[in-house]
Amino acid sequence: LCQAKLDIAFGTHHTKMMLLQYEEGFRVV
């Protein structure tokens, strides 16, 4: 687990992304 720092009140970590590392390469979703 990696905690995103939210130093300003009422903020959220709302990003929705996948980083996928393959034997064949790399993909971003």
Full PDB file with SEQRES, HELIX, SHEET, SSBOND, CRYST1, ORIGX, SCALE, CONECT and MASTER records, all heavy atoms in Angstrom:
SEQRES   1 A   29  LEU CYS GLN ALA LYS LEU ASP ILE ALA PHE GLY THR HIS          
SEQRES   2 A   29  HIS THR LYS MET MET LEU LEU GLN TYR GLU GLU GLY PHE          
SEQRES   3 A   29  ARG VAL VAL                                                  
SHEET    1 AA1 2 LEU A  19  GLN A  21  0                                        
SHEET    2 AA1 2 PHE A  26  VAL A  28 -1                                        
CRYST1    1.000    1.000    1.000  90.00  90.00  90.00 P 1           1          
ORIGX1      1.000000  0.000000  0.000000        0.00000                         
ORIGX2      0.000000  1.000000  0.000000        0.00000                         
ORIGX3      0.000000  0.000000  1.000000        0.00000                         
SCALE1      1.000000  0.000000  0.000000        0.00000                         
SCALE2      0.000000  1.000000  0.000000        0.00000                         
SCALE3      0.000000  0.000000  1.000000        0.00000                         
ATOM      1  N   LEU A   1       0.837  -1.201   0.000  1.00  0.00           N  
ATOM      2  CA  LEU A   1       0.000   0.000   0.000  1.00  0.00           C  
ATOM      3  C   LEU A   1       0.870   1.249   0.000  1.00  0.00           C  
ATOM      4  O   LEU A   1       1.924   1.283   0.636  1.00  0.00           O  
ATOM      5  CB  LEU A   1      -0.922   0.012   1.222  1.00  0.00           C  
ATOM      6  CG  LEU A   1      -1.915  -1.151   1.336  1.00  0.00           C  
ATOM      7  CD1 LEU A   1      -2.716  -1.033   2.618  1.00  0.00           C  
ATOM      8  CD2 LEU A   1      -2.841  -1.200   0.130  1.00  0.00           C  
ATOM      9  N   CYS A   2       0.397   2.259  -0.709  1.00  0.00           N  
ATOM     10  CA  CYS A   2       1.092   3.539  -0.775  1.00  0.00           C  
ATOM     11  C   CYS A   2       0.067   4.633  -0.501  1.00  0.00           C  
ATOM     12  O   CYS A   2      -0.917   4.764  -1.243  1.00  0.00           O  
ATOM     13  CB  CYS A   2       1.726   3.737  -2.154  1.00  0.00           C  
ATOM     14  SG  CYS A   2       2.474   5.359  -2.421  1.00  0.00           S  
ATOM     15  N   GLN A   3       0.270   5.395   0.550  1.00  0.00           N  
ATOM     16  CA  GLN A   3      -0.679   6.442   0.929  1.00  0.00           C  
ATOM     17  C   GLN A   3      -0.327   7.754   0.242  1.00  0.00           C  
ATOM     18  O   GLN A   3       0.775   8.265   0.368  1.00  0.00           O  
ATOM     19  CB  GLN A   3      -0.675   6.648   2.446  1.00  0.00           C  
ATOM     20  CG  GLN A   3      -1.655   7.709   2.922  1.00  0.00           C  
ATOM     21  CD  GLN A   3      -1.588   7.936   4.420  1.00  0.00           C  
ATOM     22  OE1 GLN A   3      -0.705   7.401   5.097  1.00  0.00           O  
ATOM     23  NE2 GLN A   3      -2.506   8.718   4.949  1.00  0.00           N  
ATOM     24  N   ALA A   4      -1.296   8.294  -0.492  1.00  0.00           N  
ATOM     25  CA  ALA A   4      -1.135   9.611  -1.107  1.00  0.00           C  
ATOM     26  C   ALA A   4      -1.326  10.677  -0.039  1.00  0.00           C  
ATOM     27  O   ALA A   4      -2.289  10.625   0.727  1.00  0.00           O  
ATOM     28  CB  ALA A   4      -2.145   9.793  -2.236  1.00  0.00           C  
ATOM     29  N   LYS A   5      -0.434  11.645   0.005  1.00  0.00           N  
ATOM     30  CA  LYS A   5      -0.519  12.703   1.004  1.00  0.00           C  
ATOM     31  C   LYS A   5      -1.611  13.692   0.631  1.00  0.00           C  
ATOM     32  O   LYS A   5      -1.659  14.178  -0.497  1.00  0.00           O  
ATOM     33  CB  LYS A   5       0.826  13.405   1.133  1.00  0.00           C  
ATOM     34  CG  LYS A   5       1.929  12.503   1.669  1.00  0.00           C  
ATOM     35  CD  LYS A   5       3.260  13.236   1.765  1.00  0.00           C  
ATOM     36  CE  LYS A   5       4.356  12.303   2.291  1.00  0.00           C  
ATOM     37  NZ  LYS A   5       5.673  12.987   2.371  1.00  0.00           N  
ATOM     38  N   LEU A   6      -2.478  13.966   1.579  1.00  0.00           N  
ATOM     39  CA  LEU A   6      -3.577  14.912   1.387  1.00  0.00           C  
ATOM     40  C   LEU A   6      -3.476  15.961   2.488  1.00  0.00           C  
ATOM     41  O   LEU A   6      -4.095  15.845   3.544  1.00  0.00           O  
ATOM     42  CB  LEU A   6      -4.925  14.184   1.428  1.00  0.00           C  
ATOM     43  CG  LEU A   6      -5.184  13.227   0.263  1.00  0.00           C  
ATOM     44  CD1 LEU A   6      -6.310  12.270   0.580  1.00  0.00           C  
ATOM     45  CD2 LEU A   6      -5.487  14.006  -1.012  1.00  0.00           C  
ATOM     46  N   ASP A   7      -2.667  16.967   2.233  1.00  0.00           N  
ATOM     47  CA  ASP A   7      -2.349  17.947   3.267  1.00  0.00           C  
ATOM     48  C   ASP A   7      -3.347  19.095   3.337  1.00  0.00           C  
ATOM     49  O   ASP A   7      -3.307  19.880   4.281  1.00  0.00           O  
ATOM     50  CB  ASP A   7      -0.942  18.505   3.036  1.00  0.00           C  
ATOM     51  CG  ASP A   7       0.135  17.442   3.187  1.00  0.00           C  
ATOM     52  OD1 ASP A   7      -0.082  16.510   3.985  1.00  0.00           O  
ATOM     53  OD2 ASP A   7       1.163  17.525   2.495  1.00  0.00           O  
ATOM     54  N   ILE A   8      -4.234  19.210   2.337  1.00  0.00           N  
ATOM     55  CA  ILE A   8      -5.240  20.259   2.344  1.00  0.00           C  
ATOM     56  C   ILE A   8      -6.577  19.632   2.733  1.00  0.00           C  
ATOM     57  O   ILE A   8      -6.978  18.607   2.171  1.00  0.00           O  
ATOM     58  CB  ILE A   8      -5.335  20.961   0.977  1.00  0.00           C  
ATOM     59  CG1 ILE A   8      -3.981  21.585   0.618  1.00  0.00           C  
ATOM     60  CG2 ILE A   8      -6.412  22.041   0.992  1.00  0.00           C  
ATOM     61  CD1 ILE A   8      -3.954  22.289  -0.719  1.00  0.00           C  
ATOM     62  N   ALA A   9      -7.249  20.237   3.680  1.00  0.00           N  
ATOM     63  CA  ALA A   9      -8.482  19.655   4.237  1.00  0.00           C  
ATOM     64  C   ALA A   9      -9.501  19.342   3.154  1.00  0.00           C  
ATOM     65  O   ALA A   9      -9.666  20.093   2.193  1.00  0.00           O  
ATOM     66  CB  ALA A   9      -9.092  20.629   5.250  1.00  0.00           C  
ATOM     67  N   PHE A  10     -10.194  18.225   3.348  1.00  0.00           N  
ATOM     68  CA  PHE A  10     -11.314  17.777   2.522  1.00  0.00           C  
ATOM     69  C   PHE A  10     -10.903  17.356   1.109  1.00  0.00           C  
ATOM     70  O   PHE A  10     -11.744  17.236   0.230  1.00  0.00           O  
ATOM     71  CB  PHE A  10     -12.423  18.845   2.461  1.00  0.00           C  
ATOM     72  CG  PHE A  10     -12.782  19.390   3.808  1.00  0.00           C  
ATOM     73  CD1 PHE A  10     -12.658  20.738   4.082  1.00  0.00           C  
ATOM     74  CD2 PHE A  10     -13.204  18.541   4.817  1.00  0.00           C  
ATOM     75  CE1 PHE A  10     -12.960  21.242   5.338  1.00  0.00           C  
ATOM     76  CE2 PHE A  10     -13.516  19.032   6.074  1.00  0.00           C  
ATOM     77  CZ  PHE A  10     -13.399  20.383   6.336  1.00  0.00           C  
ATOM     78  N   GLY A  11      -9.624  17.129   0.892  1.00  0.00           N  
ATOM     79  CA  GLY A  11      -9.187  16.579  -0.384  1.00  0.00           C  
ATOM     80  C   GLY A  11      -9.340  15.064  -0.400  1.00  0.00           C  
ATOM     81  O   GLY A  11      -9.438  14.416   0.650  1.00  0.00           O  
ATOM     82  N   THR A  12      -9.355  14.491  -1.587  1.00  0.00           N  
ATOM     83  CA  THR A  12      -9.451  13.039  -1.731  1.00  0.00           C  
ATOM     84  C   THR A  12      -8.448  12.552  -2.769  1.00  0.00           C  
ATOM     85  O   THR A  12      -8.021  13.306  -3.650  1.00  0.00           O  
ATOM     86  CB  THR A  12     -10.859  12.596  -2.193  1.00  0.00           C  
ATOM     87  OG1 THR A  12     -11.135  13.161  -3.478  1.00  0.00           O  
ATOM     88  CG2 THR A  12     -11.927  13.031  -1.208  1.00  0.00           C  
ATOM     89  N   HIS A  13      -8.069  11.297  -2.656  1.00  0.00           N  
ATOM     90  CA  HIS A  13      -7.293  10.666  -3.728  1.00  0.00           C  
ATOM     91  C   HIS A  13      -8.301  10.010  -4.664  1.00  0.00           C  
ATOM     92  O   HIS A  13      -8.715   8.869  -4.465  1.00  0.00           O  
ATOM     93  CB  HIS A  13      -6.319   9.628  -3.174  1.00  0.00           C  
ATOM     94  CG  HIS A  13      -5.479   9.008  -4.249  1.00  0.00           C  
ATOM     95  ND1 HIS A  13      -5.739   7.773  -4.779  1.00  0.00           N  
ATOM     96  CD2 HIS A  13      -4.403   9.498  -4.929  1.00  0.00           C  
ATOM     97  CE1 HIS A  13      -4.847   7.508  -5.723  1.00  0.00           C  
ATOM     98  NE2 HIS A  13      -4.028   8.536  -5.826  1.00  0.00           N  
ATOM     99  N   HIS A  14      -8.708  10.746  -5.678  1.00  0.00           N  
ATOM    100  CA  HIS A  14      -9.828  10.350  -6.530  1.00  0.00           C  
ATOM    101  C   HIS A  14      -9.379   9.781  -7.870  1.00  0.00           C  
ATOM    102  O   HIS A  14     -10.195   9.299  -8.655  1.00  0.00           O  
ATOM    103  CB  HIS A  14     -10.737  11.564  -6.750  1.00  0.00           C  
ATOM    104  CG  HIS A  14     -12.159  11.230  -7.021  1.00  0.00           C  
ATOM    105  ND1 HIS A  14     -12.803  11.568  -8.186  1.00  0.00           N  
ATOM    106  CD2 HIS A  14     -13.079  10.557  -6.281  1.00  0.00           C  
ATOM    107  CE1 HIS A  14     -14.045  11.144  -8.151  1.00  0.00           C  
ATOM    108  NE2 HIS A  14     -14.242  10.522  -7.007  1.00  0.00           N  
ATOM    109  N   THR A  15      -8.085   9.835  -8.158  1.00  0.00           N  
ATOM    110  CA  THR A  15      -7.539   9.300  -9.415  1.00  0.00           C  
ATOM    111  C   THR A  15      -7.832   7.812  -9.537  1.00  0.00           C  
ATOM    112  O   THR A  15      -7.767   7.069  -8.559  1.00  0.00           O  
ATOM    113  CB  THR A  15      -6.023   9.539  -9.448  1.00  0.00           C  
ATOM    114  OG1 THR A  15      -5.785  10.931  -9.615  1.00  0.00           O  
ATOM    115  CG2 THR A  15      -5.354   8.763 -10.563  1.00  0.00           C  
ATOM    116  N   LYS A  16      -8.132   7.393 -10.778  1.00  0.00           N  
ATOM    117  CA  LYS A  16      -8.401   5.987 -11.064  1.00  0.00           C  
ATOM    118  C   LYS A  16      -7.540   5.587 -12.260  1.00  0.00           C  
ATOM    119  O   LYS A  16      -7.868   5.886 -13.399  1.00  0.00           O  
ATOM    120  CB  LYS A  16      -9.889   5.780 -11.322  1.00  0.00           C  
ATOM    121  CG  LYS A  16     -10.733   6.092 -10.070  1.00  0.00           C  
ATOM    122  CD  LYS A  16     -12.190   6.268 -10.366  1.00  0.00           C  
ATOM    123  CE  LYS A  16     -12.982   6.508  -9.087  1.00  0.00           C  
ATOM    124  NZ  LYS A  16     -12.627   7.801  -8.445  1.00  0.00           N  
ATOM    125  N   MET A  17      -6.447   4.913 -11.974  1.00  0.00           N  
ATOM    126  CA  MET A  17      -5.474   4.553 -13.005  1.00  0.00           C  
ATOM    127  C   MET A  17      -4.846   3.210 -12.685  1.00  0.00           C  
ATOM    128  O   MET A  17      -4.688   2.849 -11.522  1.00  0.00           O  
ATOM    129  CB  MET A  17      -4.384   5.630 -13.103  1.00  0.00           C  
ATOM    130  CG  MET A  17      -3.258   5.295 -14.076  1.00  0.00           C  
ATOM    131  SD  MET A  17      -2.119   6.670 -14.419  1.00  0.00           S  
ATOM    132  CE  MET A  17      -1.360   6.913 -12.818  1.00  0.00           C  
ATOM    133  N   MET A  18      -4.475   2.493 -13.740  1.00  0.00           N  
ATOM    134  CA  MET A  18      -3.701   1.260 -13.619  1.00  0.00           C  
ATOM    135  C   MET A  18      -2.401   1.421 -14.394  1.00  0.00           C  
ATOM    136  O   MET A  18      -2.402   1.928 -15.520  1.00  0.00           O  
ATOM    137  CB  MET A  18      -4.457   0.063 -14.209  1.00  0.00           C  
ATOM    138  CG  MET A  18      -5.857  -0.147 -13.692  1.00  0.00           C  
ATOM    139  SD  MET A  18      -6.614  -1.619 -14.466  1.00  0.00           S  
ATOM    140  CE  MET A  18      -8.333  -1.400 -14.003  1.00  0.00           C  
ATOM    141  N   LEU A  19      -1.302   1.006 -13.798  1.00  0.00           N  
ATOM    142  CA  LEU A  19      -0.033   0.862 -14.492  1.00  0.00           C  
ATOM    143  C   LEU A  19       0.262  -0.630 -14.557  1.00  0.00           C  
ATOM    144  O   LEU A  19       0.345  -1.287 -13.513  1.00  0.00           O  
ATOM    145  CB  LEU A  19       1.087   1.601 -13.754  1.00  0.00           C  
ATOM    146  CG  LEU A  19       0.897   3.104 -13.544  1.00  0.00           C  
ATOM    147  CD1 LEU A  19       2.083   3.684 -12.785  1.00  0.00           C  
ATOM    148  CD2 LEU A  19       0.691   3.835 -14.860  1.00  0.00           C  
ATOM    149  N   LEU A  20       0.410  -1.146 -15.756  1.00  0.00           N  
ATOM    150  CA  LEU A  20       0.564  -2.586 -15.963  1.00  0.00           C  
ATOM    151  C   LEU A  20       1.892  -2.856 -16.665  1.00  0.00           C  
ATOM    152  O   LEU A  20       2.090  -2.460 -17.820  1.00  0.00           O  
ATOM    153  CB  LEU A  20      -0.603  -3.127 -16.808  1.00  0.00           C  
ATOM    154  CG  LEU A  20      -2.010  -2.813 -16.269  1.00  0.00           C  
ATOM    155  CD1 LEU A  20      -3.077  -3.276 -17.269  1.00  0.00           C  
ATOM    156  CD2 LEU A  20      -2.238  -3.466 -14.911  1.00  0.00           C  
ATOM    157  N   GLN A  21       2.793  -3.507 -15.961  1.00  0.00           N  
ATOM    158  CA  GLN A  21       4.086  -3.868 -16.541  1.00  0.00           C  
ATOM    159  C   GLN A  21       4.037  -5.320 -16.999  1.00  0.00           C  
ATOM    160  O   GLN A  21       3.704  -6.218 -16.217  1.00  0.00           O  
ATOM    161  CB  GLN A  21       5.213  -3.674 -15.525  1.00  0.00           C  
ATOM    162  CG  GLN A  21       6.592  -3.959 -16.099  1.00  0.00           C  
ATOM    163  CD  GLN A  21       7.702  -3.801 -15.079  1.00  0.00           C  
ATOM    164  OE1 GLN A  21       7.450  -3.630 -13.887  1.00  0.00           O  
ATOM    165  NE2 GLN A  21       8.949  -3.857 -15.535  1.00  0.00           N  
ATOM    166  N   TYR A  22       4.357  -5.516 -18.267  1.00  0.00           N  
ATOM    167  CA  TYR A  22       4.324  -6.857 -18.867  1.00  0.00           C  
ATOM    168  C   TYR A  22       5.735  -7.289 -19.261  1.00  0.00           C  
ATOM    169  O   TYR A  22       6.650  -6.462 -19.379  1.00  0.00           O  
ATOM    170  CB  TYR A  22       3.473  -6.855 -20.142  1.00  0.00           C  
ATOM    171  CG  TYR A  22       2.057  -6.370 -20.003  1.00  0.00           C  
ATOM    172  CD1 TYR A  22       1.673  -5.141 -20.555  1.00  0.00           C  
ATOM    173  CD2 TYR A  22       1.094  -7.130 -19.358  1.00  0.00           C  
ATOM    174  CE1 TYR A  22       0.365  -4.696 -20.471  1.00  0.00           C  
ATOM    175  CE2 TYR A  22      -0.216  -6.692 -19.270  1.00  0.00           C  
ATOM    176  CZ  TYR A  22      -0.578  -5.474 -19.825  1.00  0.00           C  
ATOM    177  OH  TYR A  22      -1.874  -5.038 -19.740  1.00  0.00           O  
ATOM    178  N   GLU A  23       5.862  -8.569 -19.527  1.00  0.00           N  
ATOM    179  CA  GLU A  23       7.082  -9.059 -20.155  1.00  0.00           C  
ATOM    180  C   GLU A  23       7.263  -8.413 -21.523  1.00  0.00           C  
ATOM    181  O   GLU A  23       8.383  -8.163 -21.959  1.00  0.00           O  
ATOM    182  CB  GLU A  23       7.020 -10.586 -20.295  1.00  0.00           C  
ATOM    183  CG  GLU A  23       7.019 -11.337 -18.970  1.00  0.00           C  
ATOM    184  CD  GLU A  23       6.868 -12.830 -19.151  1.00  0.00           C  
ATOM    185  OE1 GLU A  23       6.894 -13.285 -20.322  1.00  0.00           O  
ATOM    186  OE2 GLU A  23       6.731 -13.557 -18.148  1.00  0.00           O  
ATOM    187  N   GLU A  24       6.136  -8.110 -22.182  1.00  0.00           N  
ATOM    188  CA  GLU A  24       6.181  -7.573 -23.550  1.00  0.00           C  
ATOM    189  C   GLU A  24       6.254  -6.048 -23.597  1.00  0.00           C  
ATOM    190  O   GLU A  24       6.462  -5.476 -24.680  1.00  0.00           O  
ATOM    191  CB  GLU A  24       4.934  -8.013 -24.331  1.00  0.00           C  
ATOM    192  CG  GLU A  24       4.750  -9.509 -24.428  1.00  0.00           C  
ATOM    193  CD  GLU A  24       3.990 -10.114 -23.225  1.00  0.00           C  
ATOM    194  OE1 GLU A  24       3.725  -9.369 -22.250  1.00  0.00           O  
ATOM    195  OE2 GLU A  24       3.662 -11.315 -23.289  1.00  0.00           O  
ATOM    196  N   GLY A  25       6.037  -5.370 -22.467  1.00  0.00           N  
ATOM    197  CA  GLY A  25       6.025  -3.919 -22.513  1.00  0.00           C  
ATOM    198  C   GLY A  25       5.280  -3.319 -21.323  1.00  0.00           C  
ATOM    199  O   GLY A  25       5.331  -3.856 -20.212  1.00  0.00           O  
ATOM    200  N   PHE A  26       4.556  -2.232 -21.589  1.00  0.00           N  
ATOM    201  CA  PHE A  26       3.945  -1.446 -20.520  1.00  0.00           C  
ATOM    202  C   PHE A  26       2.628  -0.874 -21.019  1.00  0.00           C  
ATOM    203  O   PHE A  26       2.481  -0.541 -22.202  1.00  0.00           O  
ATOM    204  CB  PHE A  26       4.890  -0.304 -20.128  1.00  0.00           C  
ATOM    205  CG  PHE A  26       4.547   0.407 -18.861  1.00  0.00           C  
ATOM    206  CD1 PHE A  26       4.999  -0.053 -17.633  1.00  0.00           C  
ATOM    207  CD2 PHE A  26       3.762   1.555 -18.873  1.00  0.00           C  
ATOM    208  CE1 PHE A  26       4.696   0.605 -16.455  1.00  0.00           C  
ATOM    209  CE2 PHE A  26       3.452   2.222 -17.709  1.00  0.00           C  
ATOM    210  CZ  PHE A  26       3.919   1.756 -16.491  1.00  0.00           C  
ATOM    211  N   ARG A  27       1.643  -0.757 -20.090  1.00  0.00           N  
ATOM    212  CA  ARG A  27       0.353  -0.195 -20.486  1.00  0.00           C  
ATOM    213  C   ARG A  27      -0.170   0.702 -19.357  1.00  0.00           C  
ATOM    214  O   ARG A  27       0.038   0.443 -18.167  1.00  0.00           O  
ATOM    215  CB  ARG A  27      -0.672  -1.304 -20.775  1.00  0.00           C  
ATOM    216  CG  ARG A  27      -1.897  -0.807 -21.535  1.00  0.00           C  
ATOM    217  CD  ARG A  27      -2.951  -1.898 -21.703  1.00  0.00           C  
ATOM    218  NE  ARG A  27      -2.473  -3.118 -22.322  1.00  0.00           N  
ATOM    219  CZ  ARG A  27      -2.339  -3.282 -23.633  1.00  0.00           C  
ATOM    220  NH1 ARG A  27      -2.600  -2.296 -24.466  1.00  0.00           N  
ATOM    221  NH2 ARG A  27      -1.937  -4.450 -24.118  1.00  0.00           N  
ATOM    222  N   VAL A  28      -0.871   1.770 -19.760  1.00  0.00           N  
ATOM    223  CA  VAL A  28      -1.527   2.686 -18.830  1.00  0.00           C  
ATOM    224  C   VAL A  28      -3.028   2.612 -19.084  1.00  0.00           C  
ATOM    225  O   VAL A  28      -3.479   2.648 -20.238  1.00  0.00           O  
ATOM    226  CB  VAL A  28      -1.036   4.132 -19.022  1.00  0.00           C  
ATOM    227  CG1 VAL A  28      -1.743   5.077 -18.054  1.00  0.00           C  
ATOM    228  CG2 VAL A  28       0.473   4.215 -18.852  1.00  0.00           C  
ATOM    229  N   VAL A  29      -3.806   2.512 -18.012  1.00  0.00           N  
ATOM    230  CA  VAL A  29      -5.265   2.512 -18.111  1.00  0.00           C  
ATOM    231  C   VAL A  29      -5.773   3.626 -17.199  1.00  0.00           C  
ATOM    232  O   VAL A  29      -5.497   3.623 -15.995  1.00  0.00           O  
ATOM    233  CB  VAL A  29      -5.874   1.162 -17.681  1.00  0.00           C  
ATOM    234  CG1 VAL A  29      -7.389   1.182 -17.860  1.00  0.00           C  
ATOM    235  CG2 VAL A  29      -5.249   0.010 -18.462  1.00  0.00           C  
TER     236      VAL A  29                                                      
MASTER        0    0    0    0    2    0    0    6  235    1    0    3          
END                                                                             
